[in-house]
Amino acid sequence: MLEKAASRETWKDHLVNFLTGAIGEFYKARLGEKNGLSVPQDVEHWMWEVSQLLDGAQRVFSGKTKKNFNKEKAYREAVEDVKYIDAKMRRQSELTIMKDYRLSSLKLSVSDQDTFDFWKMTNDFLLLTFFVRP
């Protein structure tokens, strides 16, 4: 959470951190479901983590900034930064699941549909909250 007014770059960096964490937890939940590995409590826990991280992103949006800047544009740049490391996040989530469940491989991986679902959920939550005007 931002305690004092943040510069545009600091604001965006905080947002990238929350989004990166959220997508990693989301991918773990999807991998667990797809591979039949998770007890429901695991998936629920990972999705709870996603919601907590998106709540953190929401606090970044509502936090004070040093200058008035276009938060929607900065948000879209943060999204692009996270999308740039998507393959790394997918692989990291797979390795975590394989380690936690002591597996040498997974039957199913994260799909492009999973990524689409994450960004749809995230954009609906954050963009509709802050940028859609009645």
Protein backbone atom coordinates (compact mmCIF):
# COMPACT_ATOMS: atom_id res chain seq x y z
CA MET A 1 0.00 0.00 0.00
CA LEU A 2 1.20 3.48 -0.79
CA GLU A 3 1.69 5.57 2.34
CA LYS A 4 2.66 8.86 0.74
CA ALA A 5 2.15 10.47 -2.61
CA ALA A 6 3.76 8.37 -5.32
CA SER A 7 5.39 9.35 -8.58
CA ARG A 8 3.97 7.89 -11.76
CA GLU A 9 6.77 5.31 -11.98
CA THR A 10 6.41 4.26 -8.34
CA TRP A 11 2.65 4.02 -8.79
CA LYS A 12 3.07 1.86 -11.87
CA ASP A 13 5.73 -0.33 -10.17
CA HIS A 14 3.39 -1.02 -7.26
CA LEU A 15 0.65 -1.95 -9.70
CA VAL A 16 2.97 -4.28 -11.64
CA ASN A 17 3.92 -6.03 -8.39
CA PHE A 18 0.29 -6.68 -7.44
CA LEU A 19 -0.67 -7.81 -10.95
CA THR A 20 2.34 -10.12 -11.22
CA GLY A 21 1.45 -11.77 -7.93
CA ALA A 22 -2.20 -12.08 -8.90
CA ILE A 23 -1.51 -13.73 -12.25
CA GLY A 24 0.87 -16.21 -10.64
CA GLU A 25 -1.74 -17.25 -8.07
CA PHE A 26 -4.42 -17.41 -10.77
CA TYR A 27 -2.24 -19.68 -12.89
CA LYS A 28 -1.63 -22.01 -9.92
CA ALA A 29 -5.38 -22.27 -9.34
CA ARG A 30 -6.01 -23.06 -13.00
CA LEU A 31 -3.20 -25.62 -13.13
CA GLY A 32 -4.50 -27.34 -10.01
CA GLU A 33 -8.03 -27.51 -11.43
CA LYS A 34 -6.96 -28.66 -14.90
CA ASN A 35 -4.66 -31.37 -13.63
CA GLY A 36 -7.01 -32.63 -10.92
CA LEU A 37 -4.36 -32.02 -8.27
CA SER A 38 -5.96 -29.62 -5.91
CA VAL A 39 -8.22 -30.24 -3.07
CA PRO A 40 -10.88 -27.51 -3.21
CA GLN A 41 -9.18 -25.67 -0.34
CA ASP A 42 -6.03 -25.17 -2.45
CA VAL A 43 -7.92 -23.59 -5.34
CA GLU A 44 -9.97 -21.49 -2.94
CA HIS A 45 -6.78 -20.35 -1.24
CA TRP A 46 -5.11 -19.37 -4.51
CA MET A 47 -8.20 -17.49 -5.66
CA TRP A 48 -8.36 -15.75 -2.27
CA GLU A 49 -4.77 -14.67 -2.86
CA VAL A 50 -5.80 -13.32 -6.28
CA SER A 51 -8.59 -11.29 -4.70
CA GLN A 52 -6.24 -9.95 -2.01
CA LEU A 53 -3.68 -8.91 -4.62
CA LEU A 54 -6.34 -7.24 -6.77
CA ASP A 55 -7.56 -5.42 -3.67
CA GLY A 56 -3.99 -4.21 -3.28
CA ALA A 57 -4.03 -3.01 -6.88
CA GLN A 58 -7.28 -1.21 -6.13
CA ARG A 59 -5.60 0.55 -3.18
CA VAL A 60 -2.83 1.66 -5.54
CA PHE A 61 -5.46 3.17 -7.84
CA SER A 62 -7.04 5.12 -5.03
CA GLY A 63 -3.71 6.17 -3.49
CA LYS A 64 -2.27 9.66 -3.60
CA THR A 65 0.07 10.62 -6.40
CA LYS A 66 2.59 13.44 -6.66
CA LYS A 67 1.25 14.69 -9.95
CA ASN A 68 -2.00 14.30 -11.76
CA PHE A 69 -1.32 11.78 -14.52
CA ASN A 70 -3.40 9.54 -16.72
CA LYS A 71 -3.87 6.49 -14.49
CA GLU A 72 -5.66 4.53 -17.20
CA LYS A 73 -2.67 4.93 -19.53
CA ALA A 74 -0.25 3.99 -16.73
CA TYR A 75 -2.45 0.97 -15.91
CA ARG A 76 -2.33 -0.19 -19.53
CA GLU A 77 1.47 0.18 -19.50
CA ALA A 78 1.62 -1.90 -16.30
CA VAL A 79 -0.52 -4.58 -17.97
CA GLU A 80 1.88 -4.65 -20.92
CA ASP A 81 4.81 -5.04 -18.52
CA VAL A 82 3.14 -8.06 -16.92
CA LYS A 83 2.14 -9.54 -20.28
CA TYR A 84 5.78 -9.26 -21.34
CA ILE A 85 6.75 -11.74 -18.61
CA ASP A 86 3.72 -14.00 -19.10
CA ALA A 87 5.73 -17.02 -20.30
CA LYS A 88 7.95 -16.71 -17.21
CA MET A 89 4.90 -16.52 -14.94
CA ARG A 90 3.34 -19.58 -16.58
CA ARG A 91 6.53 -21.58 -16.16
CA GLN A 92 7.07 -20.43 -12.59
CA SER A 93 3.51 -21.47 -11.68
CA GLU A 94 3.99 -24.87 -13.32
CA LEU A 95 7.25 -25.45 -11.46
CA THR A 96 5.64 -24.48 -8.17
CA ILE A 97 2.75 -26.90 -8.69
CA MET A 98 5.10 -29.70 -9.75
CA LYS A 99 7.30 -29.12 -6.70
CA ASP A 100 4.39 -28.84 -4.26
CA TYR A 101 2.73 -31.99 -5.59
CA ARG A 102 6.01 -33.84 -6.25
CA LEU A 103 5.38 -34.31 -9.98
CA SER A 104 7.83 -34.61 -12.84
CA SER A 105 5.39 -33.08 -15.33
CA LEU A 106 1.86 -31.79 -15.75
CA LYS A 107 -0.74 -33.20 -18.14
CA LEU A 108 -2.16 -29.76 -18.93
CA SER A 109 -0.54 -26.33 -18.92
CA VAL A 110 -1.79 -22.79 -18.67
CA SER A 111 -3.61 -21.88 -21.87
CA ASP A 112 -4.14 -18.63 -23.70
CA GLN A 113 -7.78 -18.87 -22.58
CA ASP A 114 -6.61 -18.91 -18.96
CA THR A 115 -4.60 -15.74 -19.59
CA PHE A 116 -7.58 -14.14 -21.32
CA ASP A 117 -9.80 -15.06 -18.36
CA PHE A 118 -7.36 -13.49 -15.90
CA TRP A 119 -7.15 -10.20 -17.79
CA LYS A 120 -10.90 -10.08 -18.32
CA MET A 121 -11.48 -10.54 -14.59
CA THR A 122 -8.78 -8.00 -13.70
CA ASN A 123 -9.88 -5.39 -16.21
CA ASP A 124 -13.52 -5.78 -15.22
CA PHE A 125 -12.58 -5.29 -11.58
CA LEU A 126 -10.11 -2.43 -11.91
CA LEU A 127 -11.16 -0.56 -15.03
CA LEU A 128 -14.87 -0.63 -14.31
CA THR A 129 -14.19 0.50 -10.76
CA PHE A 130 -12.10 3.52 -11.72
CA PHE A 131 -12.72 4.56 -15.30
CA VAL A 132 -16.30 3.85 -16.29
CA ARG A 133 -18.33 6.96 -15.70
CA PRO A 134 -22.14 6.75 -15.33
